[in-house]
Amino acid sequence: MRYVVARVVVSPTGHQRTARLLVSDVPERTSPEAVLEALTAAGLAGEFSEAGVPFGNHEIKADGRRGWPYGITHSAEAEAAPWAGPPAKRPEPAAITWADLTRERTRGEGRRVTLRLTDAEHARYSLAAGRAAVSLQEWFVRAADRLAEYEALTRGESRQYAQARAAERNAEAAS
């Protein structure tokens, strides 16, 4: 089974759907919501955002029995190269397999965040990381995880969520 992530442009003449990503080898009976969750977990939501809204003006559709989902006429690459010929010969969009999309990412494959700290803040956080016997990066990741758990609890999410995150953190620390 395949899913297509398409950008939707609404105009007076109708909707134009441009394929942006093709997710192949998706297990049968996987819902579009599960594909959306997998894309978000893999850190790809920003690739399909509009005005800062993840998946804004985008939709996820399963391909039909005869190819592309109804209404998706071409890929972004074909739009950039209209001379490529008839739709059957136009290039397909970027592609990823379900296995690649859902595999566990290592920290080296993650996203980069740059923090601007004063000298005093850097010294204070470096000392705290040293006392915890971890790198400064690991210390910030742990602090962010604890803050996310706290906010989840204050929003009324279950204690099980916090316990599951703590178990994940402990498993990472053990490896």
N, C-alpha and C. Protein backbone atom coordinates (compact mmCIF):
# COMPACT_ATOMS: atom_id res chain seq x y z
N MET A 1 0.85 -1.16 0.00
CA MET A 1 0.00 0.00 0.00
C MET A 1 0.90 1.24 0.00
N ARG A 2 0.46 2.29 -0.67
CA ARG A 2 1.20 3.55 -0.72
C ARG A 2 0.31 4.70 -0.25
N TYR A 3 0.96 5.69 0.33
CA TYR A 3 0.28 6.93 0.69
C TYR A 3 1.02 8.08 0.02
N VAL A 4 0.26 9.12 -0.33
CA VAL A 4 0.83 10.31 -0.94
C VAL A 4 0.52 11.50 -0.04
N VAL A 5 1.55 12.30 0.24
CA VAL A 5 1.36 13.58 0.93
C VAL A 5 1.31 14.62 -0.17
N ALA A 6 0.19 15.35 -0.27
CA ALA A 6 0.00 16.31 -1.35
C ALA A 6 -0.28 17.69 -0.80
N ARG A 7 0.29 18.69 -1.45
CA ARG A 7 -0.01 20.09 -1.12
C ARG A 7 -1.25 20.48 -1.90
N VAL A 8 -2.18 21.13 -1.22
CA VAL A 8 -3.45 21.52 -1.83
C VAL A 8 -3.47 23.04 -1.99
N VAL A 9 -3.68 23.48 -3.22
CA VAL A 9 -3.83 24.91 -3.50
C VAL A 9 -5.26 25.12 -3.99
N VAL A 10 -5.98 26.01 -3.32
CA VAL A 10 -7.36 26.30 -3.69
C VAL A 10 -7.37 27.59 -4.50
N SER A 11 -8.01 27.54 -5.65
CA SER A 11 -8.12 28.73 -6.50
C SER A 11 -9.54 28.82 -7.03
N PRO A 12 -9.89 29.92 -7.68
CA PRO A 12 -11.23 30.04 -8.23
C PRO A 12 -11.56 28.95 -9.25
N THR A 13 -10.54 28.39 -9.87
CA THR A 13 -10.79 27.34 -10.87
C THR A 13 -10.84 25.95 -10.27
N GLY A 14 -10.60 25.83 -8.97
CA GLY A 14 -10.67 24.52 -8.32
C GLY A 14 -9.47 24.24 -7.45
N HIS A 15 -9.37 23.00 -7.01
CA HIS A 15 -8.27 22.56 -6.16
C HIS A 15 -7.17 21.95 -7.02
N GLN A 16 -5.93 22.29 -6.72
CA GLN A 16 -4.80 21.65 -7.38
C GLN A 16 -4.00 20.93 -6.31
N ARG A 17 -3.81 19.64 -6.49
CA ARG A 17 -3.08 18.83 -5.52
C ARG A 17 -1.76 18.41 -6.15
N THR A 18 -0.66 18.76 -5.48
CA THR A 18 0.67 18.45 -5.96
C THR A 18 1.32 17.44 -5.02
N ALA A 19 1.72 16.30 -5.52
CA ALA A 19 2.34 15.27 -4.69
C ALA A 19 3.70 15.75 -4.21
N ARG A 20 3.95 15.63 -2.91
CA ARG A 20 5.21 16.06 -2.33
C ARG A 20 6.04 14.90 -1.79
N LEU A 21 5.36 13.82 -1.33
CA LEU A 21 6.07 12.67 -0.78
C LEU A 21 5.25 11.42 -1.02
N LEU A 22 5.92 10.36 -1.37
CA LEU A 22 5.29 9.06 -1.57
C LEU A 22 5.83 8.12 -0.50
N VAL A 23 4.94 7.57 0.32
CA VAL A 23 5.32 6.61 1.36
C VAL A 23 4.91 5.24 0.86
N SER A 24 5.90 4.38 0.60
CA SER A 24 5.61 3.07 0.02
C SER A 24 5.74 1.96 1.06
N ASP A 25 5.26 0.79 0.71
CA ASP A 25 5.32 -0.41 1.55
C ASP A 25 4.65 -0.22 2.91
N VAL A 26 3.57 0.55 2.94
CA VAL A 26 2.82 0.77 4.17
C VAL A 26 1.97 -0.47 4.43
N PRO A 27 1.97 -1.00 5.65
CA PRO A 27 1.15 -2.18 5.94
C PRO A 27 -0.33 -1.93 5.64
N GLU A 28 -0.99 -2.97 5.21
CA GLU A 28 -2.43 -2.87 4.91
C GLU A 28 -3.17 -2.40 6.15
N ARG A 29 -4.25 -1.69 5.93
CA ARG A 29 -5.12 -1.17 6.97
C ARG A 29 -4.47 -0.13 7.87
N THR A 30 -3.39 0.48 7.40
CA THR A 30 -2.79 1.59 8.13
C THR A 30 -3.58 2.84 7.78
N SER A 31 -4.00 3.56 8.80
CA SER A 31 -4.84 4.73 8.56
C SER A 31 -3.99 5.94 8.17
N PRO A 32 -4.61 6.93 7.52
CA PRO A 32 -3.88 8.17 7.24
C PRO A 32 -3.38 8.85 8.51
N GLU A 33 -4.13 8.71 9.60
CA GLU A 33 -3.71 9.30 10.87
C GLU A 33 -2.41 8.66 11.37
N ALA A 34 -2.27 7.34 11.17
CA ALA A 34 -1.04 6.65 11.57
C ALA A 34 0.13 7.11 10.72
N VAL A 35 -0.10 7.36 9.44
CA VAL A 35 0.96 7.87 8.56
C VAL A 35 1.36 9.27 9.02
N LEU A 36 0.38 10.10 9.37
CA LEU A 36 0.65 11.44 9.86
C LEU A 36 1.48 11.39 11.14
N GLU A 37 1.11 10.50 12.05
CA GLU A 37 1.87 10.34 13.30
C GLU A 37 3.30 9.89 13.03
N ALA A 38 3.49 8.97 12.08
CA ALA A 38 4.83 8.49 11.74
C ALA A 38 5.66 9.61 11.12
N LEU A 39 5.07 10.42 10.27
CA LEU A 39 5.78 11.56 9.67
C LEU A 39 6.18 12.56 10.75
N THR A 40 5.28 12.81 11.69
CA THR A 40 5.57 13.74 12.77
C THR A 40 6.67 13.19 13.67
N ALA A 41 6.59 11.91 14.02
CA ALA A 41 7.60 11.30 14.89
C ALA A 41 8.97 11.29 14.22
N ALA A 42 9.00 11.20 12.91
CA ALA A 42 10.27 11.20 12.18
C ALA A 42 10.81 12.62 11.98
N GLY A 43 10.07 13.62 12.45
CA GLY A 43 10.53 14.99 12.34
C GLY A 43 10.29 15.62 10.99
N LEU A 44 9.36 15.07 10.22
CA LEU A 44 9.10 15.58 8.88
C LEU A 44 7.91 16.53 8.80
N ALA A 45 7.25 16.79 9.92
CA ALA A 45 6.07 17.67 9.88
C ALA A 45 6.44 19.05 9.36
N GLY A 46 7.63 19.54 9.69
CA GLY A 46 8.06 20.86 9.23
C GLY A 46 8.23 20.94 7.73
N GLU A 47 8.50 19.80 7.10
CA GLU A 47 8.66 19.78 5.65
C GLU A 47 7.34 20.02 4.94
N PHE A 48 6.25 19.75 5.62
CA PHE A 48 4.92 19.87 5.03
C PHE A 48 4.08 20.85 5.83
N SER A 49 4.64 22.01 6.10
CA SER A 49 3.90 23.01 6.86
C SER A 49 3.67 24.24 6.00
N GLU A 50 2.68 24.98 6.39
CA GLU A 50 2.32 26.21 5.69
C GLU A 50 2.05 27.25 6.76
N ALA A 51 2.76 28.36 6.71
CA ALA A 51 2.61 29.45 7.68
C ALA A 51 2.80 28.95 9.11
N GLY A 52 3.72 28.01 9.30
CA GLY A 52 4.01 27.49 10.62
C GLY A 52 3.03 26.46 11.15
N VAL A 53 2.05 26.07 10.33
CA VAL A 53 1.07 25.07 10.75
C VAL A 53 1.49 23.72 10.14
N PRO A 54 1.86 22.74 10.99
CA PRO A 54 2.24 21.44 10.44
C PRO A 54 1.11 20.85 9.60
N PHE A 55 1.44 20.43 8.42
CA PHE A 55 0.52 19.84 7.45
C PHE A 55 -0.57 20.81 7.02
N GLY A 56 -0.34 22.12 7.21
CA GLY A 56 -1.28 23.12 6.71
C GLY A 56 -1.31 23.06 5.19
N ASN A 57 -2.48 23.06 4.61
CA ASN A 57 -2.67 22.96 3.15
C ASN A 57 -2.08 21.68 2.57
N HIS A 58 -1.98 20.64 3.36
CA HIS A 58 -1.51 19.34 2.89
C HIS A 58 -2.53 18.28 3.28
N GLU A 59 -2.58 17.22 2.51
CA GLU A 59 -3.44 16.09 2.85
C GLU A 59 -2.69 14.79 2.56
N ILE A 60 -3.10 13.75 3.26
CA ILE A 60 -2.49 12.43 3.11
C ILE A 60 -3.56 11.50 2.57
N LYS A 61 -3.26 10.89 1.43
CA LYS A 61 -4.25 10.02 0.79
C LYS A 61 -3.59 8.71 0.39
N ALA A 62 -4.36 7.62 0.52
CA ALA A 62 -3.91 6.32 0.03
C ALA A 62 -4.05 6.31 -1.48
N ASP A 63 -3.09 5.66 -2.15
CA ASP A 63 -3.22 5.60 -3.61
C ASP A 63 -4.33 4.64 -3.99
N GLY A 64 -4.92 4.90 -5.12
CA GLY A 64 -6.02 4.06 -5.59
C GLY A 64 -5.52 2.77 -6.20
N ARG A 65 -6.42 1.95 -6.58
CA ARG A 65 -6.05 0.68 -7.18
C ARG A 65 -5.35 0.87 -8.52
N ARG A 66 -5.60 2.01 -9.15
CA ARG A 66 -5.01 2.27 -10.46
C ARG A 66 -3.92 3.33 -10.41
N GLY A 67 -3.29 3.55 -9.27
CA GLY A 67 -2.21 4.52 -9.22
C GLY A 67 -2.50 5.66 -8.27
N TRP A 68 -2.27 6.89 -8.70
CA TRP A 68 -2.39 8.06 -7.86
C TRP A 68 -3.79 8.19 -7.28
N PRO A 69 -3.90 8.75 -6.07
CA PRO A 69 -5.21 9.03 -5.52
C PRO A 69 -5.95 10.01 -6.43
N TYR A 70 -7.25 9.98 -6.38
CA TYR A 70 -8.07 10.85 -7.21
C TYR A 70 -7.73 12.31 -6.93
N GLY A 71 -7.53 13.06 -7.99
CA GLY A 71 -7.31 14.49 -7.88
C GLY A 71 -5.87 14.92 -7.79
N ILE A 72 -4.94 14.02 -7.55
CA ILE A 72 -3.52 14.38 -7.51
C ILE A 72 -2.98 14.11 -8.91
N THR A 73 -2.63 15.18 -9.59
CA THR A 73 -2.30 15.04 -11.01
C THR A 73 -0.82 14.93 -11.31
N HIS A 74 0.04 15.51 -10.49
CA HIS A 74 1.46 15.46 -10.80
C HIS A 74 2.28 15.75 -9.55
N SER A 75 3.59 15.59 -9.69
CA SER A 75 4.48 15.81 -8.56
C SER A 75 5.07 17.21 -8.61
N ALA A 76 5.68 17.63 -7.51
CA ALA A 76 6.32 18.94 -7.46
C ALA A 76 7.47 18.99 -8.47
N GLU A 77 8.17 17.86 -8.67
CA GLU A 77 9.27 17.82 -9.64
C GLU A 77 8.74 18.04 -11.05
N ALA A 78 7.59 17.46 -11.36
CA ALA A 78 7.00 17.64 -12.69
C ALA A 78 6.53 19.08 -12.87
N GLU A 79 6.07 19.69 -11.79
CA GLU A 79 5.65 21.08 -11.87
C GLU A 79 6.83 21.98 -12.18
N ALA A 80 8.01 21.64 -11.62
CA ALA A 80 9.21 22.43 -11.88
C ALA A 80 9.78 22.15 -13.27
N ALA A 81 9.42 21.02 -13.87
CA ALA A 81 9.93 20.65 -15.19
C ALA A 81 8.76 20.30 -16.11
N PRO A 82 7.98 21.30 -16.55
CA PRO A 82 6.81 21.00 -17.37
C PRO A 82 7.16 20.39 -18.72
N TRP A 83 8.39 20.51 -19.14
CA TRP A 83 8.80 19.94 -20.42
C TRP A 83 9.02 18.44 -20.36
N ALA A 84 8.82 17.83 -19.19
CA ALA A 84 9.10 16.41 -19.01
C ALA A 84 8.16 15.51 -19.78
N GLY A 85 7.13 16.07 -20.37
CA GLY A 85 6.25 15.26 -21.19
C GLY A 85 4.91 15.00 -20.52
N PRO A 86 4.19 14.02 -21.06
CA PRO A 86 2.86 13.71 -20.51
C PRO A 86 2.96 13.18 -19.09
N PRO A 87 1.85 13.24 -18.34
CA PRO A 87 1.89 12.82 -16.93
C PRO A 87 2.48 11.44 -16.70
N ALA A 88 2.28 10.51 -17.62
CA ALA A 88 2.81 9.16 -17.41
C ALA A 88 4.34 9.15 -17.38
N LYS A 89 4.99 10.13 -18.01
CA LYS A 89 6.45 10.16 -18.06
C LYS A 89 7.06 11.17 -17.10
N ARG A 90 6.23 11.86 -16.33
CA ARG A 90 6.75 12.86 -15.40
C ARG A 90 7.36 12.16 -14.19
N PRO A 91 8.35 12.80 -13.58
CA PRO A 91 9.00 12.18 -12.41
C PRO A 91 8.05 12.10 -11.22
N GLU A 92 8.27 11.07 -10.40
CA GLU A 92 7.47 10.91 -9.18
C GLU A 92 8.08 11.79 -8.09
N PRO A 93 7.33 12.06 -7.03
CA PRO A 93 7.84 12.90 -5.94
C PRO A 93 8.88 12.14 -5.12
N ALA A 94 9.45 12.83 -4.15
CA ALA A 94 10.37 12.19 -3.22
C ALA A 94 9.66 10.99 -2.58
N ALA A 95 10.42 9.97 -2.25
CA ALA A 95 9.81 8.75 -1.72
C ALA A 95 10.56 8.27 -0.49
N ILE A 96 9.83 7.57 0.37
CA ILE A 96 10.40 6.94 1.55
C ILE A 96 9.61 5.68 1.82
N THR A 97 10.27 4.65 2.31
CA THR A 97 9.56 3.42 2.65
C THR A 97 9.04 3.52 4.08
N TRP A 98 8.03 2.73 4.39
CA TRP A 98 7.46 2.71 5.73
C TRP A 98 8.50 2.30 6.76
N ALA A 99 9.36 1.33 6.39
CA ALA A 99 10.40 0.87 7.32
C ALA A 99 11.36 2.00 7.66
N ASP A 100 11.77 2.79 6.66
CA ASP A 100 12.67 3.92 6.93
C ASP A 100 11.97 5.00 7.74
N LEU A 101 10.70 5.20 7.48
CA LEU A 101 9.95 6.24 8.16
C LEU A 101 9.76 5.92 9.64
N THR A 102 9.55 4.65 9.97
CA THR A 102 9.21 4.28 11.34
C THR A 102 10.39 3.75 12.15
N ARG A 103 11.58 3.69 11.58
CA ARG A 103 12.72 3.17 12.35
C ARG A 103 13.15 4.16 13.42
N GLU A 104 13.76 3.64 14.46
CA GLU A 104 14.24 4.47 15.56
C GLU A 104 15.41 5.32 15.07
N ARG A 105 15.38 6.59 15.38
CA ARG A 105 16.44 7.51 15.00
C ARG A 105 17.46 7.61 16.13
N THR A 106 18.72 7.76 15.76
CA THR A 106 19.75 7.99 16.76
C THR A 106 19.88 9.49 16.97
N ARG A 107 20.53 9.86 18.02
CA ARG A 107 20.66 11.28 18.31
C ARG A 107 21.42 12.01 17.21
N GLY A 108 22.39 11.34 16.58
CA GLY A 108 23.16 11.98 15.51
C GLY A 108 22.33 12.30 14.28
N GLU A 109 21.18 11.62 14.14
CA GLU A 109 20.30 11.87 13.00
C GLU A 109 19.24 12.91 13.31
N GLY A 110 19.27 13.42 14.53
CA GLY A 110 18.22 14.33 14.97
C GLY A 110 18.38 15.73 14.40
N ARG A 111 17.51 16.59 14.86
CA ARG A 111 17.51 17.99 14.44
C ARG A 111 18.45 18.80 15.33
N ARG A 112 19.01 19.84 14.78
CA ARG A 112 19.94 20.71 15.50
C ARG A 112 19.17 21.89 16.08
N VAL A 113 19.50 22.22 17.33
CA VAL A 113 18.96 23.39 17.99
C VAL A 113 20.14 24.20 18.50
N THR A 114 20.16 25.48 18.21
CA THR A 114 21.24 26.35 18.67
C THR A 114 20.71 27.24 19.78
N LEU A 115 21.43 27.26 20.89
CA LEU A 115 21.06 28.10 22.02
C LEU A 115 22.10 29.21 22.18
N ARG A 116 21.65 30.40 22.39
CA ARG A 116 22.53 31.53 22.68
C ARG A 116 22.48 31.75 24.19
N LEU A 117 23.60 31.50 24.85
CA LEU A 117 23.66 31.61 26.30
C LEU A 117 24.68 32.68 26.68
N THR A 118 24.42 33.34 27.79
CA THR A 118 25.43 34.25 28.33
C THR A 118 26.55 33.38 28.91
N ASP A 119 27.68 34.01 29.18
CA ASP A 119 28.79 33.25 29.77
C ASP A 119 28.39 32.67 31.12
N ALA A 120 27.63 33.44 31.89
CA ALA A 120 27.20 32.97 33.21
C ALA A 120 26.26 31.77 33.08
N GLU A 121 25.32 31.84 32.14
CA GLU A 121 24.40 30.71 31.94
C GLU A 121 25.16 29.47 31.49
N HIS A 122 26.08 29.65 30.56
CA HIS A 122 26.86 28.50 30.06
C HIS A 122 27.64 27.86 31.20
N ALA A 123 28.27 28.68 32.03
CA ALA A 123 29.03 28.14 33.16
C ALA A 123 28.12 27.40 34.13
N ARG A 124 26.97 27.99 34.44
CA ARG A 124 26.03 27.37 35.39
C ARG A 124 25.53 26.02 34.87
N TYR A 125 25.15 25.97 33.59
CA TYR A 125 24.63 24.72 33.02
C TYR A 125 25.74 23.69 32.83
N SER A 126 26.92 24.14 32.51
CA SER A 126 28.05 23.20 32.38
C SER A 126 28.37 22.55 33.71
N LEU A 127 28.33 23.35 34.79
CA LEU A 127 28.56 22.78 36.12
C LEU A 127 27.48 21.77 36.48
N ALA A 128 26.23 22.11 36.17
CA ALA A 128 25.13 21.18 36.47
C ALA A 128 25.29 19.89 35.67
N ALA A 129 25.70 19.99 34.41
CA ALA A 129 25.93 18.79 33.59
C ALA A 129 27.09 17.98 34.14
N GLY A 130 28.12 18.65 34.59
CA GLY A 130 29.27 17.95 35.19
C GLY A 130 28.87 17.22 36.45
N ARG A 131 28.05 17.84 37.29
CA ARG A 131 27.58 17.17 38.51
C ARG A 131 26.74 15.95 38.19
N ALA A 132 26.00 16.00 37.06
CA ALA A 132 25.19 14.85 36.65
C ALA A 132 26.00 13.83 35.85
N ALA A 133 27.26 14.14 35.59
CA ALA A 133 28.18 13.27 34.84
C ALA A 133 27.66 12.96 33.43
N VAL A 134 27.11 14.00 32.78
CA VAL A 134 26.64 13.87 31.40
C VAL A 134 27.13 15.08 30.61
N SER A 135 27.04 14.97 29.29
CA SER A 135 27.42 16.10 28.45
C SER A 135 26.40 17.23 28.60
N LEU A 136 26.79 18.42 28.17
CA LEU A 136 25.88 19.55 28.23
C LEU A 136 24.65 19.30 27.36
N GLN A 137 24.85 18.68 26.20
CA GLN A 137 23.71 18.37 25.33
C GLN A 137 22.76 17.41 26.02
N GLU A 138 23.29 16.36 26.62
CA GLU A 138 22.44 15.38 27.31
C GLU A 138 21.70 16.04 28.47
N TRP A 139 22.37 16.95 29.17
CA TRP A 139 21.72 17.64 30.28
C TRP A 139 20.53 18.45 29.79
N PHE A 140 20.69 19.16 28.66
CA PHE A 140 19.58 19.95 28.11
C PHE A 140 18.44 19.05 27.64
N VAL A 141 18.77 17.92 27.03
CA VAL A 141 17.73 17.00 26.57
C VAL A 141 16.94 16.46 27.76
N ARG A 142 17.64 16.08 28.82
CA ARG A 142 16.95 15.59 30.02
C ARG A 142 16.06 16.68 30.63
N ALA A 143 16.58 17.90 30.68
CA ALA A 143 15.79 19.00 31.24
C ALA A 143 14.54 19.24 30.40
N ALA A 144 14.68 19.19 29.09
CA ALA A 144 13.52 19.39 28.21
C ALA A 144 12.51 18.26 28.39
N ASP A 145 12.99 17.02 28.53
CA ASP A 145 12.09 15.89 28.76
C ASP A 145 11.32 16.05 30.07
N ARG A 146 12.01 16.45 31.11
CA ARG A 146 11.35 16.65 32.41
C ARG A 146 10.30 17.75 32.32
N LEU A 147 10.61 18.82 31.61
CA LEU A 147 9.65 19.90 31.45
C LEU A 147 8.43 19.43 30.66
N ALA A 148 8.64 18.64 29.62
CA ALA A 148 7.51 18.11 28.83
C ALA A 148 6.63 17.21 29.69
N GLU A 149 7.25 16.38 30.55
CA GLU A 149 6.48 15.52 31.44
C GLU A 149 5.66 16.37 32.42
N TYR A 150 6.28 17.39 32.98
CA TYR A 150 5.59 18.26 33.93
C TYR A 150 4.40 18.94 33.26
N GLU A 151 4.61 19.48 32.07
CA GLU A 151 3.51 20.15 31.35
C GLU A 151 2.40 19.17 31.00
N ALA A 152 2.75 17.94 30.66
CA ALA A 152 1.73 16.94 30.35
C ALA A 152 0.89 16.66 31.59
N LEU A 153 1.54 16.57 32.74
CA LEU A 153 0.80 16.32 33.98
C LEU A 153 -0.08 17.50 34.35
N THR A 154 0.41 18.72 34.16
CA THR A 154 -0.40 19.89 34.51
C THR A 154 -1.56 20.07 33.55
N ARG A 155 -1.47 19.53 32.33
CA ARG A 155 -2.59 19.57 31.39
C ARG A 155 -3.59 18.47 31.67
N GLY A 156 -3.29 17.62 32.64
CA GLY A 156 -4.23 16.57 33.00
C GLY A 156 -3.99 15.25 32.28
N GLU A 157 -2.88 15.13 31.56
CA GLU A 157 -2.60 13.86 30.92
C GLU A 157 -2.24 12.85 31.99
N SER A 158 -2.36 11.60 31.67
CA SER A 158 -2.22 10.56 32.69
C SER A 158 -0.80 10.44 33.22
N ARG A 159 -0.72 9.93 34.42
CA ARG A 159 0.57 9.67 35.02
C ARG A 159 1.30 8.58 34.24
N GLN A 160 0.54 7.73 33.55
CA GLN A 160 1.17 6.67 32.75
C GLN A 160 2.06 7.27 31.67
N TYR A 161 1.66 8.41 31.08
CA TYR A 161 2.49 9.07 30.07
C TYR A 161 3.84 9.45 30.67
N ALA A 162 3.80 10.08 31.85
CA ALA A 162 5.03 10.49 32.50
C ALA A 162 5.90 9.28 32.84
N GLN A 163 5.27 8.21 33.31
CA GLN A 163 6.03 7.01 33.65
C GLN A 163 6.64 6.37 32.41
N ALA A 164 5.91 6.38 31.29
CA ALA A 164 6.45 5.80 30.05
C ALA A 164 7.64 6.61 29.56
N ARG A 165 7.56 7.94 29.63
CA ARG A 165 8.68 8.79 29.21
C ARG A 165 9.89 8.55 30.12
N ALA A 166 9.66 8.41 31.43
CA ALA A 166 10.75 8.15 32.36
C ALA A 166 11.41 6.81 32.05
N ALA A 167 10.61 5.81 31.70
CA ALA A 167 11.16 4.50 31.34
C ALA A 167 12.01 4.60 30.07
N GLU A 168 11.53 5.37 29.09
CA GLU A 168 12.31 5.56 27.85
C GLU A 168 13.63 6.23 28.16
N ARG A 169 13.60 7.26 29.02
CA ARG A 169 14.81 7.99 29.37
C ARG A 169 15.80 7.07 30.08
N ASN A 170 15.29 6.24 30.99
CA ASN A 170 16.17 5.32 31.72
C ASN A 170 16.77 4.27 30.79
N ALA A 171 15.99 3.80 29.81
CA ALA A 171 16.51 2.83 28.85
C ALA A 171 17.62 3.44 28.00
N GLU A 172 17.43 4.71 27.60
CA GLU A 172 18.48 5.39 26.82
C GLU A 172 19.73 5.57 27.63
N ALA A 173 19.57 5.93 28.89
CA ALA A 173 20.73 6.14 29.76
C ALA A 173 21.49 4.84 29.99
N ALA A 174 20.78 3.73 30.04
CA ALA A 174 21.42 2.42 30.27
C ALA A 174 22.18 1.93 29.06
N SER A 175 21.79 2.39 27.86
CA SER A 175 22.47 1.88 26.65
C SER A 175 23.69 2.67 26.29
